[in-house]
Protein backbone atom coordinates (compact mmCIF):
# COMPACT_ATOMS: atom_id res chain seq x y z
CA MET A 1 0.24 0.52 0.18
CA LYS A 2 1.15 3.42 -1.00
CA ILE A 3 -0.21 6.19 1.21
CA ALA A 4 -0.31 10.04 0.16
CA ILE A 5 -1.20 12.59 2.98
CA VAL A 6 -2.05 16.14 2.18
CA GLY A 7 -1.59 18.67 3.79
CA ALA A 8 0.54 16.88 6.47
CA SER A 9 1.33 20.00 8.23
CA GLY A 10 -1.97 20.98 9.36
CA ALA A 11 -3.76 19.79 12.36
CA VAL A 12 -5.54 16.96 10.95
CA GLY A 13 -2.59 16.18 8.59
CA GLN A 14 -0.67 15.50 11.92
CA GLU A 15 -3.67 13.51 13.00
CA PHE A 16 -3.39 11.31 10.04
CA LEU A 17 0.03 10.34 11.36
CA LYS A 18 -0.77 9.39 14.83
CA VAL A 19 -3.88 7.69 14.12
CA LEU A 20 -2.46 5.45 11.18
CA GLU A 21 0.13 4.86 13.23
CA GLU A 22 -1.96 4.17 16.25
CA ARG A 23 -3.89 1.67 14.34
CA ASN A 24 -0.84 -0.37 12.28
CA PHE A 25 -2.61 0.86 9.17
CA PRO A 26 -0.91 -1.51 6.16
CA ILE A 27 1.64 1.11 4.78
CA ASP A 28 4.38 0.21 2.53
CA GLU A 29 5.11 3.65 1.35
CA LEU A 30 3.78 7.01 2.87
CA VAL A 31 4.34 10.44 0.93
CA LEU A 32 3.40 13.76 2.39
CA PHE A 33 2.32 16.98 0.42
CA GLY A 34 2.01 20.55 1.58
CA SER A 35 1.61 24.10 0.24
CA GLN A 36 4.91 26.26 -0.42
CA ARG A 37 5.40 27.15 3.34
CA SER A 38 5.05 23.87 4.73
CA ALA A 39 7.27 22.04 2.09
CA GLY A 40 10.37 20.70 3.13
CA ARG A 41 9.72 20.08 6.84
CA LYS A 42 9.94 16.46 8.02
CA TYR A 43 8.08 14.51 10.16
CA THR A 44 8.68 10.88 11.46
CA PHE A 45 6.45 8.05 10.69
CA ARG A 46 7.18 4.72 12.47
CA GLY A 47 10.82 5.55 13.22
CA VAL A 48 11.39 6.64 9.16
CA GLU A 49 11.73 10.83 8.64
CA HIS A 50 9.66 11.80 5.63
CA GLU A 51 9.86 15.58 3.93
CA VAL A 52 6.81 17.41 2.71
CA ARG A 53 6.55 17.76 -1.20
CA LEU A 54 5.34 20.30 -2.88
CA LEU A 55 1.84 19.57 -4.21
CA ALA A 56 1.76 19.91 -7.93
CA HIS A 57 0.18 19.35 -11.10
CA ASN A 58 2.52 17.00 -11.60
CA ASP A 59 2.77 12.48 -11.55
CA ASP A 60 3.65 12.60 -7.88
CA PHE A 61 0.58 10.50 -7.37
CA LYS A 62 1.49 7.51 -9.90
CA GLY A 63 1.33 4.08 -7.80
CA VAL A 64 -0.57 5.84 -4.33
CA ASP A 65 -3.47 3.95 -3.58
CA ILE A 66 -5.05 6.47 -0.94
CA ALA A 67 -4.81 9.56 -0.45
CA PHE A 68 -5.66 11.53 2.73
CA THR A 69 -6.47 15.15 1.73
CA SER A 70 -7.01 17.87 4.23
CA ALA A 71 -5.86 21.24 2.45
CA GLY A 72 -9.13 23.05 2.45
CA ALA A 73 -11.84 22.99 -0.62
CA SER A 74 -10.03 25.26 -3.20
CA ALA A 75 -7.24 22.58 -2.83
CA SER A 76 -9.05 19.83 -3.16
CA LYS A 77 -11.04 21.20 -6.19
CA GLU A 78 -7.89 22.29 -7.97
CA PHE A 79 -5.76 18.98 -7.08
CA ALA A 80 -8.51 16.24 -7.73
CA GLU A 81 -7.94 15.61 -11.04
CA THR A 82 -4.10 15.35 -10.56
CA ILE A 83 -4.58 13.06 -7.48
CA THR A 84 -7.07 10.40 -8.94
CA LYS A 85 -5.84 10.28 -12.33
CA TYR A 86 -3.47 6.96 -12.04
CA GLY A 87 -6.31 5.06 -10.00
CA ALA A 88 -5.70 6.49 -6.19
CA VAL A 89 -8.73 6.87 -4.06
CA MET A 90 -8.78 10.62 -2.83
CA ILE A 91 -10.56 10.60 0.87
CA ASP A 92 -11.17 14.05 1.13
CA ASN A 93 -11.88 15.85 4.61
CA SER A 94 -12.74 19.58 3.14
CA SER A 95 -16.51 20.40 2.18
CA ALA A 96 -15.00 20.53 -1.72
CA PHE A 97 -17.50 17.14 -3.13
CA ARG A 98 -19.64 16.28 -0.18
CA MET A 99 -23.07 16.70 -1.72
CA ASP A 100 -21.95 16.12 -5.14
CA PRO A 101 -24.19 13.23 -6.34
CA ASP A 102 -21.51 10.82 -7.81
CA VAL A 103 -19.34 11.41 -4.66
CA PRO A 104 -20.43 9.15 -1.64
CA LEU A 105 -20.67 10.60 1.63
CA VAL A 106 -19.33 7.99 4.67
CA VAL A 107 -19.55 7.73 8.17
CA PRO A 108 -18.79 3.82 8.87
CA GLU A 109 -20.31 2.99 11.57
CA CYS A 110 -23.66 4.86 9.42
CA ASN A 111 -23.22 3.85 5.86
CA ALA A 112 -19.82 2.08 5.44
CA GLU A 113 -21.30 0.34 2.03
CA ASP A 114 -21.66 3.88 0.22
CA ALA A 115 -17.46 4.25 0.04
CA LEU A 116 -17.65 1.24 -2.63
CA ASN A 117 -19.38 3.13 -4.96
CA HIS A 118 -16.99 5.90 -5.98
CA PRO A 119 -16.84 6.34 -9.39
CA ARG A 120 -14.85 9.38 -9.71
CA ASN A 121 -12.03 7.74 -7.22
CA ILE A 122 -13.19 10.33 -4.12
CA ILE A 123 -14.64 9.64 -1.14
CA ALA A 124 -16.21 12.75 1.06
CA ASN A 125 -15.24 12.84 4.61
CA PRO A 126 -18.15 14.88 6.34
CA ASN A 127 -18.49 17.68 8.24
CA CYS A 128 -17.07 17.18 12.08
CA THR A 129 -20.04 18.07 13.62
CA THR A 130 -21.99 15.98 11.14
CA ILE A 131 -19.72 12.68 12.04
CA MET A 132 -20.37 13.11 15.64
CA MET A 133 -24.49 13.54 15.62
CA VAL A 134 -25.20 10.74 12.62
CA THR A 135 -22.84 8.42 14.74
CA VAL A 136 -24.86 8.71 17.84
CA LEU A 137 -28.24 9.10 16.00
CA LYS A 138 -27.89 6.27 13.79
CA PRO A 139 -28.67 3.40 16.18
CA ILE A 140 -31.91 5.63 17.26
CA GLU A 141 -32.75 5.51 14.10
CA GLU A 142 -32.72 1.73 13.92
CA LEU A 143 -35.17 1.67 16.76
CA SER A 144 -37.73 4.31 14.78
CA HIS A 145 -37.35 6.58 11.82
CA ILE A 146 -36.34 10.21 12.97
CA THR A 147 -38.01 13.15 11.46
CA ARG A 148 -36.73 15.75 13.18
CA ILE A 149 -33.24 16.99 14.92
CA HIS A 150 -32.70 20.46 16.46
CA VAL A 151 -29.17 20.80 17.34
CA ALA A 152 -26.88 23.28 19.12
CA SER A 153 -23.23 22.28 19.10
CA TYR A 154 -20.71 23.75 21.31
CA GLN A 155 -17.39 23.65 18.73
CA SER A 156 -13.34 24.14 20.46
CA ALA A 157 -11.01 26.20 18.85
CA SER A 158 -9.55 23.22 16.72
CA GLY A 159 -12.24 23.38 14.21
CA ALA A 160 -10.67 26.17 12.96
CA GLY A 161 -7.46 24.23 12.60
CA ALA A 162 -3.74 24.08 14.77
CA GLN A 163 -3.00 28.25 14.20
CA ALA A 164 -6.85 29.01 15.78
CA MET A 165 -5.76 26.54 19.01
CA ALA A 166 -2.72 28.40 18.89
CA GLU A 167 -4.52 31.65 19.14
CA LEU A 168 -6.58 30.56 22.14
CA GLU A 169 -3.61 29.81 24.21
CA GLN A 170 -1.88 33.19 23.62
CA GLN A 171 -4.80 35.06 24.44
CA TYR A 172 -5.34 33.44 27.77
CA ARG A 173 -1.79 34.05 28.20
CA ASP A 174 -1.98 37.90 27.11
CA LEU A 175 -5.16 38.31 29.24
CA ALA A 176 -3.37 37.07 32.47
CA ALA A 177 -0.23 39.54 31.49
CA GLY A 178 -2.67 42.28 31.17
CA LYS A 179 -2.04 42.81 27.55
CA PRO A 180 -4.66 42.92 24.94
CA ALA A 181 -6.10 39.48 23.20
CA HIS A 182 -4.64 39.37 19.36
CA VAL A 183 -7.66 38.23 17.37
CA GLU A 184 -7.01 37.17 13.72
CA LYS A 185 -8.65 33.55 13.37
CA PHE A 186 -12.17 34.24 14.63
CA ALA A 187 -14.48 36.92 14.20
CA TYR A 188 -14.05 37.99 17.90
CA GLN A 189 -12.08 37.32 21.05
CA LEU A 190 -12.61 33.46 21.89
CA ALA A 191 -10.86 33.46 25.14
CA TYR A 192 -13.54 34.03 28.13
CA ASN A 193 -16.19 33.97 25.37
CA VAL A 194 -18.51 32.39 22.70
CA ILE A 195 -18.95 33.38 19.26
CA PRO A 196 -22.57 31.82 17.59
CA GLN A 197 -21.43 32.11 14.37
CA ILE A 198 -19.24 29.57 12.67
CA ASP A 199 -18.39 30.28 8.68
CA VAL A 200 -20.39 32.49 6.91
CA PHE A 201 -24.08 33.18 7.04
CA GLN A 202 -26.56 32.34 4.00
CA ASP A 203 -29.33 34.09 2.84
CA ASN A 204 -31.50 31.87 4.84
CA GLY A 205 -29.69 33.38 8.30
CA TYR A 206 -28.19 29.99 9.09
CA THR A 207 -24.17 29.64 8.52
CA LYS A 208 -22.72 27.42 6.27
CA GLU A 209 -21.69 25.03 8.79
CA GLU A 210 -25.54 25.02 9.98
CA MET A 211 -26.56 24.09 6.78
CA LYS A 212 -23.80 21.34 6.42
CA MET A 213 -25.54 19.34 9.43
CA PHE A 214 -28.99 19.62 7.61
CA ASN A 215 -28.05 18.49 4.24
CA GLU A 216 -24.75 15.93 5.19
CA THR A 217 -27.40 14.06 7.86
CA ARG A 218 -29.93 13.64 4.95
CA LYS A 219 -27.48 12.03 2.82
CA ILE A 220 -25.12 9.57 5.15
CA LEU A 221 -28.17 8.58 6.94
CA HIS A 222 -30.61 8.04 3.65
CA SER A 223 -33.09 10.10 5.00
CA ASP A 224 -35.36 12.87 4.65
CA VAL A 225 -34.63 14.15 8.52
CA ARG A 226 -34.84 17.87 8.70
CA CYS A 227 -32.07 19.34 11.16
CA SER A 228 -32.39 23.14 12.67
CA ALA A 229 -28.94 23.62 14.02
CA MET A 230 -27.31 26.70 15.78
CA CYS A 231 -23.34 26.34 15.86
CA VAL A 232 -21.17 28.30 18.43
CA ARG A 233 -17.36 28.46 18.98
CA ILE A 234 -16.53 28.06 22.33
CA SER A 235 -13.11 28.62 24.13
CA ALA A 236 -12.45 24.74 24.68
CA LEU A 237 -8.91 23.49 22.76
CA ARG A 238 -9.73 20.59 21.60
CA SER A 239 -13.37 18.40 21.45
CA HIS A 240 -16.59 19.52 20.33
CA SER A 241 -19.43 18.70 21.95
CA GLU A 242 -23.72 18.90 20.87
CA ALA A 243 -27.19 18.82 22.74
CA VAL A 244 -29.03 17.30 20.53
CA TRP A 245 -32.94 17.45 20.55
CA ILE A 246 -34.77 14.57 18.18
CA GLU A 247 -38.24 13.49 17.43
CA THR A 248 -39.07 10.08 16.21
CA GLU A 249 -42.19 8.15 14.27
CA LYS A 250 -42.66 6.28 17.48
CA PRO A 251 -42.24 7.33 21.17
CA LEU A 252 -39.14 5.69 22.78
CA ASP A 253 -38.41 4.96 26.33
CA VAL A 254 -35.36 6.30 27.95
CA LYS A 255 -33.82 2.63 28.34
CA GLN A 256 -34.34 1.74 24.93
CA VAL A 257 -32.44 4.78 23.57
CA GLN A 258 -29.47 4.30 26.62
CA ASP A 259 -29.44 0.42 25.25
CA ALA A 260 -28.82 1.06 22.13
CA LEU A 261 -26.34 3.43 22.61
CA ALA A 262 -24.63 1.43 24.64
CA ALA A 263 -24.66 -1.29 22.01
CA ALA A 264 -23.40 1.18 19.13
CA PRO A 265 -19.98 1.19 17.14
CA GLY A 266 -18.08 4.18 17.96
CA VAL A 267 -20.14 5.17 20.56
CA VAL A 268 -19.56 5.39 24.83
CA LEU A 269 -22.95 5.32 26.65
CA GLN A 270 -21.44 7.58 30.08
CA ASP A 271 -25.03 8.64 32.00
CA ASP A 272 -25.49 8.45 35.39
CA PRO A 273 -26.74 11.50 36.83
CA ALA A 274 -26.26 10.22 40.21
CA THR A 275 -22.42 10.98 39.95
CA LYS A 276 -22.33 13.67 37.81
CA THR A 277 -21.49 11.79 34.98
CA TYR A 278 -21.49 12.69 31.76
CA PRO A 279 -19.55 13.44 28.67
CA MET A 280 -17.32 16.99 28.42
CA PRO A 281 -14.37 18.28 26.17
CA LEU A 282 -11.63 17.97 29.21
CA PHE A 283 -11.90 14.10 28.56
CA THR A 284 -13.18 13.48 25.25
CA GLY A 285 -10.27 15.03 23.70
CA GLY A 286 -7.53 12.08 22.28
CA LYS A 287 -10.37 9.41 22.50
CA ASP A 288 -11.55 7.48 19.27
CA ASP A 289 -15.34 7.12 20.04
CA ILE A 290 -18.41 9.42 20.59
CA TYR A 291 -19.29 9.99 24.13
CA VAL A 292 -23.21 10.62 25.23
CA GLY A 293 -25.15 11.35 28.11
CA ARG A 294 -28.01 13.19 29.56
CA VAL A 295 -30.83 10.98 27.60
CA ARG A 296 -34.02 11.91 28.70
CA LYS A 297 -37.47 12.76 27.41
CA ASP A 298 -38.21 15.91 25.92
CA LEU A 299 -40.61 17.33 27.99
CA ALA A 300 -41.93 19.36 25.09
CA ASN A 301 -42.48 16.17 22.63
CA ASP A 302 -44.19 13.30 23.52
CA ASN A 303 -42.10 11.35 20.42
CA GLY A 304 -38.67 13.15 21.68
CA ILE A 305 -35.61 12.33 23.09
CA THR A 306 -32.97 14.84 24.27
CA LEU A 307 -29.26 13.84 24.73
CA TRP A 308 -25.73 15.24 25.21
CA LEU A 309 -22.80 14.33 23.18
CA SER A 310 -19.35 15.38 23.16
CA GLY A 311 -16.38 13.99 20.86
CA ASP A 312 -12.59 14.81 19.43
CA GLN A 313 -12.93 17.26 16.36
CA ILE A 314 -9.64 16.02 15.03
CA LYS A 315 -9.66 12.72 15.54
CA LYS A 316 -13.01 11.28 15.10
CA GLY A 317 -14.74 14.25 13.08
CA ALA A 318 -11.90 13.81 10.58
CA ALA A 319 -8.85 12.02 10.89
CA LEU A 320 -9.90 8.66 12.17
CA ASN A 321 -12.80 8.86 10.09
CA ALA A 322 -11.27 8.77 6.95
CA VAL A 323 -9.18 6.09 7.83
CA GLN A 324 -12.06 4.09 8.83
CA ILE A 325 -12.95 4.39 5.52
CA ALA A 326 -10.03 3.34 4.03
CA GLU A 327 -9.91 0.54 6.25
CA TYR A 328 -13.26 -0.78 5.02
CA LEU A 329 -12.27 0.26 1.57
CA ILE A 330 -9.20 -2.21 2.02
CA SER A 331 -11.52 -5.12 4.03
CA LYS A 332 -13.56 -5.28 1.05
């Protein structure tokens, strides 16, 4: 297996290296690619140093079996043909192709088999908040069809990349020293604050991030479900969380839902109010699974269930999900 990582120097690119090593992914040859800024940097993988090559329109992807790409939508669109022209399967972490009808959008716990039909040799990795939500909702969908979702996300700085994480840490240091906080990656100071905007606003008043949750959830679950989202940036460093309200066709009891979640792949039930046991970003960072708790009946809806979830945005929300797609392809 010859594997490529595009965007190797970014937060997700670095996570790819960690996840591939942790999971002992079958690799005979690894090649790293990046922008002009990161070309020439060196990273160690399984004890061997690899130098980042400049991503260019050439034959560097000849012989590559799988390319994990995380360099942004514009780069994915520009280089997709170059990456795939010799047969490499491009598993893309950007938003570039997610809603294209001939590109599968895959969360392995939900719709792994969709990955087998990739006529353009491109498979899209969903948005991080969508990945985490559908992983938890899939076992509930199997109990009764979910017709409506309301969700509020609590998204960490990691969702905006490595530089955003560094900016948040620097803001806290500056404020503690009595200096003004430097703001570049976010619309406002994030330290000691929450920002009710992620991505750009659309004509309907929702942000692009919120519309991703509406559209991607339907595609992954092959469902007519409607999802109304409010996506909020918070000052956690890593791991996103979500408060989710769902309505099902038939009423479900809490024990049913908890049992289904406890048995679901990629999900850990952490739900004991008596001992104040529930998921938090403080503890879900670096973990593979999505943690879920606070499962209870929705007091405003007879067919409603509400829950809380938290998971590592860089790991399951990005790199791990892509690697799991590749593992599924290899297994088939």
